[in-house]
């Protein structure tokens, strides 16, 4: 069970007074950050029907109650330990998992944890203004569930930094609250977490595609030889699945409503005339957030990725499903690249050095399943339109395709053509202005939904769709 101490936890925090004092010193700074950079306008006079863990088993993990956002049970929750867990990959394969950080791997492990930790508060900051333009109370509640869980994931990484990295870790934990998404002087570490999220279409695309990158990264870290990191990320994954559900179903509901409006208007593609979101603008948002999320996996050829794997710090997503020796001393990967003249080419790379691309392969296929579902939905309405994932060379700012220009089909184009046509492929200022006009009036009435989005098939935790998901106090 999770203790009811000042910092909820299942790691027996009270037995380590020094660590407990350090985290209690950090806690009010975190709450101040939440009040300043968390959901605006919903901190003091609203109670939200939230899932908040009382234990890490399935029943305790899925506990629901009304909570004021600043009173949410942020804390330290690790998955239950595996008996006699063994390292599953790299040069230490078969040895006992580590319970402490080996000195020689202190810096790279800290780097992995800080990079993951920096993404968690960043997404809260990106989404902080969305409550004021919500399409329904159901969606408002889901936004807040995502936000508080990202806040708890920050706690998960801060616990590791404080517990295993001494003063360096404490300093890094402080800096996680000092950087801000989109801040000119101290931005977040990864570019996708500095992009503004001002519309609900952006929010759903972010939780569909960028949080799915979070899933792939957490799956990789859950394989880590450092057992506390593995257990921490395994529990985080149980919460991350809800974030992707919000994105997948949110986009699906917008697509459903667009199809309904197209049918009602005689299959007119100009659904903006009746207050809908046209399919091409949805495709442009898919292009944007998918391509930004591809960059989050890092460069195609990476000595860091090779070292992380070789030394057992970070494995492949679902490592046990790979049908090789899990050491990869001899394997190679055929990489799509470009030659010195910028022409497409194929390059043979040692498998360990191509592990970012292996993870990207996994991610692309995981995203494709959502595209297939949405296309089936469109086809069921008799509409001739198909969404596509853009080619992985499109709109890239990291790796071998950085500085080159490709259309969404992967064809090389000139910079001039990119400048002339990029509004065909990525959200334009006109798109953003229209989307903001749709959400200018929020929907706070129970059971009601904005015109541009369909209701969900079912409510949260077997509650009805018109349940009072957010209460306003007098």
Protein backbone atom coordinates (compact mmCIF):
# COMPACT_ATOMS: atom_id res chain seq x y z
CA UNK A 1 0.00 0.00 0.00
CA UNK A 2 0.99 3.63 -0.45
CA UNK A 3 1.63 5.43 2.81
CA UNK A 4 -0.34 8.52 3.79
CA UNK A 5 2.76 10.47 4.78
CA UNK A 6 3.34 14.05 3.68
CA UNK A 7 4.79 12.56 0.48
CA UNK A 8 2.70 9.51 -0.54
CA UNK A 9 5.05 6.63 -1.37
CA UNK A 10 5.56 2.89 -1.39
CA UNK A 11 9.35 3.00 -0.92
CA UNK A 12 9.38 3.28 2.89
CA UNK A 13 10.54 6.88 2.63
CA UNK A 14 10.27 7.49 6.39
CA UNK A 15 13.14 5.03 6.96
CA UNK A 16 15.57 7.40 5.19
CA UNK A 17 15.26 10.69 7.07
CA UNK A 18 17.91 12.47 5.00
CA UNK A 19 16.14 11.65 1.74
CA UNK A 20 12.77 12.45 3.26
CA UNK A 21 13.94 15.90 4.40
CA UNK A 22 15.45 16.63 0.97
CA UNK A 23 12.23 15.74 -0.83
CA UNK A 24 10.11 17.66 1.69
CA UNK A 25 12.31 20.67 0.97
CA UNK A 26 11.67 20.23 -2.77
CA UNK A 27 7.92 19.61 -2.36
CA UNK A 28 6.72 23.23 -1.75
CA UNK A 29 8.78 24.41 -4.72
CA UNK A 30 7.01 21.85 -6.86
CA UNK A 31 3.60 23.01 -5.59
CA UNK A 32 4.53 26.63 -6.30
CA UNK A 33 5.51 25.61 -9.85
CA UNK A 34 2.15 23.82 -10.21
CA UNK A 35 0.19 26.88 -9.11
CA UNK A 36 2.13 29.17 -11.43
CA UNK A 37 2.51 26.90 -14.47
CA UNK A 38 -0.27 24.31 -14.08
CA UNK A 39 -3.90 24.59 -15.30
CA UNK A 40 -4.94 28.23 -15.15
CA UNK A 41 -8.27 29.15 -13.60
CA UNK A 42 -8.96 25.75 -12.03
CA UNK A 43 -6.68 25.64 -9.00
CA UNK A 44 -8.85 26.76 -6.10
CA UNK A 45 -12.59 26.50 -6.78
CA UNK A 46 -12.96 23.21 -8.63
CA UNK A 47 -12.98 19.58 -7.64
CA UNK A 48 -12.12 17.09 -10.37
CA UNK A 49 -13.10 13.42 -10.59
CA UNK A 50 -9.60 11.98 -10.84
CA UNK A 51 -7.89 8.64 -10.69
CA UNK A 52 -5.33 8.76 -7.89
CA UNK A 53 -3.33 5.77 -6.72
CA UNK A 54 -3.72 4.27 -3.25
CA UNK A 55 -1.53 1.28 -4.17
CA UNK A 56 0.26 -0.01 -7.27
CA UNK A 57 -1.93 -3.10 -7.69
CA UNK A 58 -4.79 -2.87 -10.27
CA UNK A 59 -7.51 -2.03 -7.72
CA UNK A 60 -5.52 0.63 -5.89
CA UNK A 61 -4.08 2.09 -9.07
CA UNK A 62 -7.61 2.66 -10.46
CA UNK A 63 -9.03 4.47 -7.41
CA UNK A 64 -11.23 7.48 -8.27
CA UNK A 65 -12.29 10.43 -6.13
CA UNK A 66 -12.98 14.18 -6.29
CA UNK A 67 -9.79 16.16 -5.74
CA UNK A 68 -8.77 19.79 -5.90
CA UNK A 69 -5.87 19.92 -8.32
CA UNK A 70 -3.26 21.29 -5.85
CA UNK A 71 -4.29 18.55 -3.39
CA UNK A 72 -3.64 15.67 -5.80
CA UNK A 73 -1.62 12.79 -4.28
CA UNK A 74 1.68 13.36 -6.07
CA UNK A 75 4.25 10.97 -4.76
CA UNK A 76 6.67 8.09 -5.34
CA UNK A 77 5.17 4.87 -6.68
CA UNK A 78 7.35 2.01 -7.90
CA UNK A 79 6.03 -1.20 -9.44
CA UNK A 80 6.41 -4.25 -7.23
CA UNK A 81 9.91 -5.79 -7.45
CA UNK A 82 10.48 -8.89 -9.55
CA UNK A 83 12.04 -11.74 -7.60
CA UNK A 84 15.66 -12.32 -8.61
CA UNK A 85 15.40 -9.97 -11.59
CA UNK A 86 18.23 -10.42 -14.10
CA UNK A 87 19.68 -8.03 -16.67
CA UNK A 88 18.17 -8.89 -20.04
CA UNK A 89 20.57 -7.35 -22.57
CA UNK A 90 24.02 -5.92 -23.21
CA UNK A 91 27.38 -6.97 -21.84
CA UNK A 92 25.98 -7.74 -18.35
CA UNK A 93 23.14 -9.94 -19.60
CA UNK A 94 22.20 -12.59 -17.04
CA UNK A 95 23.74 -10.80 -14.05
CA UNK A 96 21.62 -9.59 -11.13
CA UNK A 97 19.90 -6.26 -11.71
CA UNK A 98 21.55 -3.30 -9.96
CA UNK A 99 20.03 -1.82 -6.82
CA UNK A 100 22.56 1.03 -6.78
CA UNK A 101 24.14 3.11 -9.54
CA UNK A 102 27.56 1.82 -10.64
CA UNK A 103 30.05 4.66 -10.43
CA UNK A 104 31.19 4.33 -14.05
CA UNK A 105 27.61 4.80 -15.32
CA UNK A 106 26.61 7.61 -13.00
CA UNK A 107 26.70 10.41 -15.59
CA UNK A 108 24.89 8.66 -18.47
CA UNK A 109 22.17 7.36 -16.15
CA UNK A 110 21.67 10.82 -14.70
CA UNK A 111 21.45 12.22 -18.23
CA UNK A 112 18.74 9.70 -19.17
CA UNK A 113 16.70 10.45 -16.05
CA UNK A 114 16.99 14.24 -16.39
CA UNK A 115 15.99 14.15 -20.06
CA UNK A 116 12.93 12.03 -19.26
CA UNK A 117 12.12 14.17 -16.22
CA UNK A 118 12.27 17.41 -18.19
CA UNK A 119 9.46 16.30 -20.50
CA UNK A 120 6.96 15.78 -17.67
CA UNK A 121 6.46 19.36 -16.38
CA UNK A 122 6.95 20.67 -19.92
CA UNK A 123 3.70 19.14 -21.17
CA UNK A 124 1.80 20.60 -18.21
CA UNK A 125 3.17 24.04 -19.12
CA UNK A 126 2.25 23.59 -22.78
CA UNK A 127 -1.37 22.74 -21.91
CA UNK A 128 -1.97 25.17 -19.05
CA UNK A 129 -4.46 27.44 -20.88
CA UNK A 130 -6.64 24.75 -22.49
CA UNK A 131 -9.17 24.53 -19.66
CA UNK A 132 -10.63 27.91 -20.59
CA UNK A 133 -11.64 26.65 -24.06
CA UNK A 134 -12.65 23.04 -23.37
CA UNK A 135 -15.14 21.23 -25.67
CA UNK A 136 -16.85 19.44 -22.75
CA UNK A 137 -16.62 18.66 -19.04
CA UNK A 138 -15.60 15.11 -19.96
CA UNK A 139 -12.64 16.44 -21.95
CA UNK A 140 -11.78 18.97 -19.24
CA UNK A 141 -11.52 16.13 -16.73
CA UNK A 142 -9.31 14.11 -19.09
CA UNK A 143 -7.01 17.10 -19.59
CA UNK A 144 -6.58 17.44 -15.84
CA UNK A 145 -5.97 13.70 -15.43
CA UNK A 146 -3.16 13.92 -17.96
CA UNK A 147 -1.75 17.00 -16.23
CA UNK A 148 -1.65 15.58 -12.70
CA UNK A 149 -0.10 12.33 -13.92
CA UNK A 150 2.61 14.22 -15.77
CA UNK A 151 3.19 16.06 -12.51
CA UNK A 152 3.53 12.73 -10.71
CA UNK A 153 5.93 11.47 -13.36
CA UNK A 154 8.08 14.47 -12.51
CA UNK A 155 8.08 13.24 -8.92
CA UNK A 156 9.14 9.79 -10.12
CA UNK A 157 12.27 11.17 -11.77
CA UNK A 158 13.03 13.58 -8.92
CA UNK A 159 12.95 10.67 -6.47
CA UNK A 160 15.60 8.86 -8.51
CA UNK A 161 17.76 11.98 -8.76
CA UNK A 162 17.62 12.62 -5.01
CA UNK A 163 18.07 8.97 -4.04
CA UNK A 164 20.95 7.92 -6.25
CA UNK A 165 22.88 10.99 -7.48
CA UNK A 166 23.70 13.06 -4.40
CA UNK A 167 24.18 16.81 -4.73
CA UNK A 168 24.30 16.60 -8.53
CA UNK A 169 20.88 14.96 -8.48
CA UNK A 170 19.44 17.55 -6.12
CA UNK A 171 20.73 20.35 -8.35
CA UNK A 172 19.20 18.70 -11.41
CA UNK A 173 15.86 18.39 -9.59
CA UNK A 174 15.91 22.13 -8.88
CA UNK A 175 16.60 22.90 -12.54
CA UNK A 176 13.63 20.79 -13.65
CA UNK A 177 11.43 23.50 -12.10
CA UNK A 178 13.49 26.39 -13.48
CA UNK A 179 13.23 25.58 -17.19
CA UNK A 180 9.92 26.48 -18.87
CA UNK A 181 8.33 25.33 -22.11
CA UNK A 182 8.89 27.91 -24.83
CA UNK A 183 10.96 30.19 -22.59
CA UNK A 184 13.52 32.08 -24.66
CA UNK A 185 16.23 32.01 -21.98
CA UNK A 186 15.62 28.61 -20.30
CA UNK A 187 13.56 26.42 -22.63
CA UNK A 188 12.83 22.75 -22.14
CA UNK A 189 15.51 20.36 -23.37
CA UNK A 190 13.61 18.78 -26.30
CA UNK A 191 12.03 20.89 -29.04
CA UNK A 192 8.66 19.12 -29.15
CA UNK A 193 8.15 20.25 -25.55
CA UNK A 194 8.65 23.91 -26.44
CA UNK A 195 5.97 23.95 -29.16
CA UNK A 196 2.80 25.80 -28.09
CA UNK A 197 -0.42 23.82 -27.54
CA UNK A 198 -3.17 26.41 -27.95
CA UNK A 199 -5.94 24.31 -29.48
CA UNK A 200 -7.62 21.06 -28.52
CA UNK A 201 -6.69 19.56 -31.88
CA UNK A 202 -3.05 20.15 -30.93
CA UNK A 203 -3.67 18.61 -27.51
CA UNK A 204 -5.18 15.45 -28.94
CA UNK A 205 -2.42 15.14 -31.55
CA UNK A 206 0.23 15.70 -28.86
CA UNK A 207 -1.20 13.02 -26.56
CA UNK A 208 -1.59 10.66 -29.52
CA UNK A 209 1.88 11.08 -31.02
CA UNK A 210 4.22 12.74 -28.51
CA UNK A 211 2.96 10.77 -25.52
CA UNK A 212 3.36 7.67 -27.68
CA UNK A 213 7.04 8.56 -27.94
CA UNK A 214 6.91 8.75 -24.15
CA UNK A 215 5.59 5.20 -24.15
CA UNK A 216 8.44 3.96 -26.35
CA UNK A 217 11.05 5.73 -24.20
CA UNK A 218 9.53 4.40 -20.96
CA UNK A 219 9.42 0.88 -22.38
CA UNK A 220 13.12 1.18 -23.18
CA UNK A 221 13.97 2.52 -19.71
CA UNK A 222 11.85 -0.18 -18.06
CA UNK A 223 14.40 -2.68 -19.38
CA UNK A 224 17.22 -0.87 -17.54
CA UNK A 225 19.68 -2.82 -15.41
CA UNK A 226 19.12 -0.20 -12.69
CA UNK A 227 16.16 -1.84 -10.96
CA UNK A 228 14.72 1.30 -9.27
CA UNK A 229 14.60 3.02 -12.69
CA UNK A 230 12.96 -0.04 -14.23
CA UNK A 231 10.33 -0.26 -11.47
CA UNK A 232 9.64 3.48 -11.61
CA UNK A 233 9.05 3.52 -15.36
CA UNK A 234 6.98 0.33 -15.29
CA UNK A 235 4.46 2.04 -13.04
CA UNK A 236 4.59 5.22 -15.14
CA UNK A 237 3.58 3.14 -18.17
CA UNK A 238 0.27 2.22 -16.51
CA UNK A 239 -0.58 5.93 -16.41
CA UNK A 240 0.89 6.78 -19.81
CA UNK A 241 -1.60 4.48 -21.56
CA UNK A 242 -4.44 6.79 -20.52
CA UNK A 243 -2.71 9.78 -22.11
CA UNK A 244 -2.55 7.99 -25.46
CA UNK A 245 -6.18 6.91 -25.05
CA UNK A 246 -7.14 10.57 -24.64
CA UNK A 247 -5.30 11.50 -27.84
CA UNK A 248 -6.44 8.53 -29.93
CA UNK A 249 -10.11 8.79 -28.98
CA UNK A 250 -10.09 12.60 -28.99
CA UNK A 251 -8.87 12.72 -32.58
CA UNK A 252 -11.26 9.89 -33.44
CA UNK A 253 -14.21 11.86 -32.03
CA UNK A 254 -13.26 14.97 -34.01
CA UNK A 255 -13.00 12.84 -37.16
CA UNK A 256 -16.37 11.22 -36.41
CA UNK A 257 -18.06 14.59 -36.01
CA UNK A 258 -16.42 15.93 -39.19
CA UNK A 259 -17.80 12.96 -41.12
CA UNK A 260 -21.26 13.53 -39.66
CA UNK A 261 -21.17 17.20 -40.66
CA UNK A 262 -19.97 16.31 -44.16
CA UNK A 263 -22.92 13.93 -44.60
CA UNK A 264 -25.40 16.45 -43.19
CA UNK A 265 -24.14 19.07 -45.65
CA UNK A 266 -24.35 16.77 -48.69
CA UNK A 267 -20.73 15.55 -48.48
CA UNK A 268 -19.43 19.08 -48.82
CA UNK A 269 -15.73 19.13 -48.02
CA UNK A 270 -16.01 22.66 -46.70
CA UNK A 271 -17.24 21.72 -43.23
CA UNK A 272 -15.94 25.00 -41.85
CA UNK A 273 -19.22 26.50 -43.09
CA UNK A 274 -21.06 24.36 -40.53
CA UNK A 275 -18.48 24.65 -37.73
CA UNK A 276 -16.51 21.46 -38.30
CA UNK A 277 -12.79 20.73 -38.60
CA UNK A 278 -11.94 19.68 -42.16
CA UNK A 279 -9.99 16.49 -42.68
CA UNK A 280 -7.00 18.18 -44.40
CA UNK A 281 -6.35 20.39 -41.35
CA UNK A 282 -6.38 17.28 -39.16
CA UNK A 283 -3.84 15.71 -41.54
CA UNK A 284 -1.62 18.79 -41.21
CA UNK A 285 -1.67 18.44 -37.41
CA UNK A 286 -0.80 14.75 -37.74
CA UNK A 287 2.14 15.74 -39.96
CA UNK A 288 3.36 18.31 -37.45
CA UNK A 289 3.20 16.33 -34.21
CA UNK A 290 4.30 13.03 -35.73
CA UNK A 291 7.39 14.59 -37.31
CA UNK A 292 8.31 16.46 -34.11
CA UNK A 293 7.93 13.21 -32.19
CA UNK A 294 10.19 11.36 -34.63
CA UNK A 295 12.96 13.78 -33.68
CA UNK A 296 12.54 12.83 -30.01
CA UNK A 297 14.13 9.45 -30.75
CA UNK A 298 17.45 11.14 -31.58
CA UNK A 299 19.84 10.76 -34.49
CA UNK A 300 19.74 7.68 -36.70
CA UNK A 301 23.35 6.78 -35.89
CA UNK A 302 24.25 7.25 -32.25
CA UNK A 303 27.24 6.19 -30.18
CA UNK A 304 25.24 7.17 -27.06
CA UNK A 305 22.50 4.71 -27.96
CA UNK A 306 25.14 2.03 -28.52
CA UNK A 307 26.74 2.71 -25.15
CA UNK A 308 23.39 2.77 -23.32
CA UNK A 309 22.56 -0.65 -24.72
CA UNK A 310 25.99 -2.22 -24.33
CA UNK A 311 26.20 -1.12 -20.70
CA UNK A 312 22.64 -2.17 -19.85
CA UNK A 313 21.31 1.33 -19.18
CA UNK A 314 18.51 1.42 -21.76
CA UNK A 315 17.19 -1.50 -23.79
CA UNK A 316 14.86 -1.81 -26.73
CA UNK A 317 11.10 -1.46 -26.32
CA UNK A 318 9.78 -4.92 -25.39
CA UNK A 319 13.29 -6.38 -25.36
CA UNK A 320 12.11 -9.92 -24.69
CA UNK A 321 10.16 -9.97 -27.97
CA UNK A 322 13.33 -9.57 -30.05
CA UNK A 323 14.51 -12.88 -31.49
CA UNK A 324 18.27 -12.31 -31.27
CA UNK A 325 20.99 -12.75 -28.67
CA UNK A 326 20.13 -9.45 -26.87
CA UNK A 327 23.81 -8.53 -27.02
CA UNK A 328 24.04 -7.29 -30.65
CA UNK A 329 27.82 -7.50 -30.89
CA UNK A 330 27.66 -8.56 -34.55
CA UNK A 331 24.32 -7.36 -35.96
CA UNK A 332 23.89 -4.68 -38.64
CA UNK A 333 21.03 -2.40 -39.68
CA UNK A 334 20.30 -1.10 -43.20
CA UNK A 335 19.66 2.59 -42.69
CA UNK A 336 17.85 4.95 -45.07
CA UNK A 337 20.16 7.94 -45.43
CA UNK A 338 21.44 10.48 -47.98
CA UNK A 339 24.77 10.61 -49.77
CA UNK A 340 27.14 13.60 -49.98
CA UNK A 341 25.00 15.10 -52.74
CA UNK A 342 21.83 14.76 -50.69
CA UNK A 343 20.48 11.86 -52.75
CA UNK A 344 18.67 8.92 -51.04
CA UNK A 345 20.99 6.06 -50.17
CA UNK A 346 21.22 2.97 -48.00
CA UNK A 347 23.90 2.65 -45.34
CA UNK A 348 24.98 -0.42 -43.36
CA UNK A 349 25.33 0.50 -39.67
CA UNK A 350 26.30 -1.62 -36.64
CA UNK A 351 23.02 -2.56 -34.95
CA UNK A 352 24.03 -1.06 -31.61
CA UNK A 353 24.65 2.32 -33.27
CA UNK A 354 21.25 2.20 -35.00
CA UNK A 355 19.14 1.54 -31.89
CA UNK A 356 17.50 4.97 -32.03
CA UNK A 357 16.24 4.00 -35.48
CA UNK A 358 15.14 0.57 -34.23
CA UNK A 359 13.04 2.32 -31.59
CA UNK A 360 11.74 4.73 -34.23
CA UNK A 361 10.66 1.73 -36.34
CA UNK A 362 8.68 0.43 -33.37
CA UNK A 363 7.13 3.86 -32.79
CA UNK A 364 6.05 4.34 -36.42
CA UNK A 365 4.23 1.01 -36.47
CA UNK A 366 2.54 1.79 -33.15
CA UNK A 367 1.30 5.10 -34.59
CA UNK A 368 0.11 3.44 -37.79
CA UNK A 369 -2.50 1.42 -35.92
CA UNK A 370 -4.28 4.65 -34.98
CA UNK A 371 -4.21 5.91 -38.56
CA UNK A 372 -5.77 2.62 -39.70
CA UNK A 373 -8.60 2.93 -37.16
CA UNK A 374 -9.42 6.47 -38.23
CA UNK A 375 -9.42 5.52 -41.90
CA UNK A 376 -11.89 2.72 -41.22
CA UNK A 377 -14.10 5.24 -39.47
CA UNK A 378 -14.00 7.58 -42.49
CA UNK A 379 -14.70 4.71 -44.90
CA UNK A 380 -17.73 3.64 -42.84
CA UNK A 381 -19.27 7.04 -43.66
CA UNK A 382 -18.69 6.54 -47.39
CA UNK A 383 -16.13 9.35 -47.58
CA UNK A 384 -13.19 9.06 -49.96
CA UNK A 385 -10.29 10.26 -47.80
CA UNK A 386 -7.40 8.53 -46.07
CA UNK A 387 -5.03 9.84 -43.45
CA UNK A 388 -1.36 8.97 -43.86
CA UNK A 389 1.70 9.17 -41.69
CA UNK A 390 4.22 11.43 -43.41
CA UNK A 391 7.49 9.91 -44.53
CA UNK A 392 10.07 9.94 -41.74
CA UNK A 393 12.30 12.28 -43.80
CA UNK A 394 9.61 15.00 -43.69
CA UNK A 395 10.07 18.05 -41.43
CA UNK A 396 13.02 16.68 -39.50
CA UNK A 397 15.38 18.79 -37.40
CA UNK A 398 17.59 16.03 -35.98
CA UNK A 399 19.65 13.38 -37.75
CA UNK A 400 20.71 12.74 -41.31
CA UNK A 401 17.74 14.60 -42.83
CA UNK A 402 18.24 17.81 -40.87
CA UNK A 403 18.58 20.85 -43.14
CA UNK A 404 17.08 19.00 -46.12
CA UNK A 405 13.59 19.41 -47.53
CA UNK A 406 11.12 16.65 -48.35
CA UNK A 407 7.40 16.57 -49.01
CA UNK A 408 5.17 14.28 -46.88
CA UNK A 409 5.66 11.46 -49.40
CA UNK A 410 9.44 11.61 -48.89
CA UNK A 411 10.35 13.25 -52.22
CA UNK A 412 13.29 15.66 -52.08
CA UNK A 413 12.29 19.26 -52.84
CA UNK A 414 14.09 22.60 -52.92
CA UNK A 415 14.04 25.12 -50.10
CA UNK A 416 12.08 27.45 -52.37
CA UNK A 417 9.35 24.87 -52.90
CA UNK A 418 9.25 24.17 -49.16
CA UNK A 419 8.76 27.87 -48.39
CA UNK A 420 6.05 28.10 -51.04
CA UNK A 421 4.12 24.98 -50.06
CA UNK A 422 4.73 24.21 -46.37
CA UNK A 423 1.29 25.59 -45.40
CA UNK A 424 -0.19 22.75 -47.47
CA UNK A 425 1.50 20.23 -45.18
CA UNK A 426 1.74 21.86 -41.74
CA UNK A 427 -0.79 23.88 -39.71
CA UNK A 428 -0.99 27.44 -41.01
CA UNK A 429 -1.84 30.69 -39.25
CA UNK A 430 -5.25 30.54 -40.96
CA UNK A 431 -5.81 27.04 -39.58
CA UNK A 432 -4.92 28.17 -36.07
CA UNK A 433 -7.16 31.22 -36.23
CA UNK A 434 -10.09 29.07 -37.33
CA UNK A 435 -9.53 26.47 -34.61
CA UNK A 436 -9.33 29.19 -31.96
CA UNK A 437 -12.62 30.63 -33.23
CA UNK A 438 -14.28 27.22 -32.76
CA UNK A 439 -13.20 26.99 -29.14
CA UNK A 440 -13.77 30.65 -28.25
CA UNK A 441 -16.78 29.65 -26.14
CA UNK A 442 -16.00 26.77 -23.74
CA UNK A 443 -18.61 24.10 -22.99
CA UNK A 444 -19.11 23.72 -19.25
CA UNK A 445 -22.64 22.23 -19.29
CA UNK A 446 -22.89 18.59 -18.23
CA UNK A 447 -23.43 16.18 -21.11
CA UNK A 448 -22.95 18.86 -23.78
CA UNK A 449 -20.18 18.93 -26.39
CA UNK A 450 -18.77 21.51 -28.78
CA UNK A 451 -20.09 21.21 -32.31
CA UNK A 452 -16.75 20.05 -33.71
CA UNK A 453 -16.39 16.90 -31.57
CA UNK A 454 -18.59 13.84 -31.04
CA UNK A 455 -19.39 12.50 -27.54
CA UNK A 456 -17.36 9.51 -26.34
CA UNK A 457 -18.82 6.03 -26.47
CA UNK A 458 -18.75 5.78 -22.67
CA UNK A 459 -17.87 7.82 -19.62
CA UNK A 460 -15.00 7.53 -17.14
CA UNK A 461 -14.97 4.64 -14.66
CA UNK A 462 -18.41 3.40 -15.76
CA UNK A 463 -19.95 6.80 -15.04
CA UNK A 464 -22.45 8.27 -17.54
CA UNK A 465 -21.27 10.71 -20.16
CA UNK A 466 -23.22 13.53 -18.46
CA UNK A 467 -21.62 12.82 -15.07
CA UNK A 468 -20.38 15.84 -13.10
CA UNK A 469 -16.71 15.33 -13.88
CA UNK A 470 -15.71 18.77 -12.61
CA UNK A 471 -17.49 20.46 -9.73
CA UNK A 472 -17.39 24.18 -9.08
CA UNK A 473 -17.43 25.19 -5.42
CA UNK A 474 -19.24 28.29 -4.24
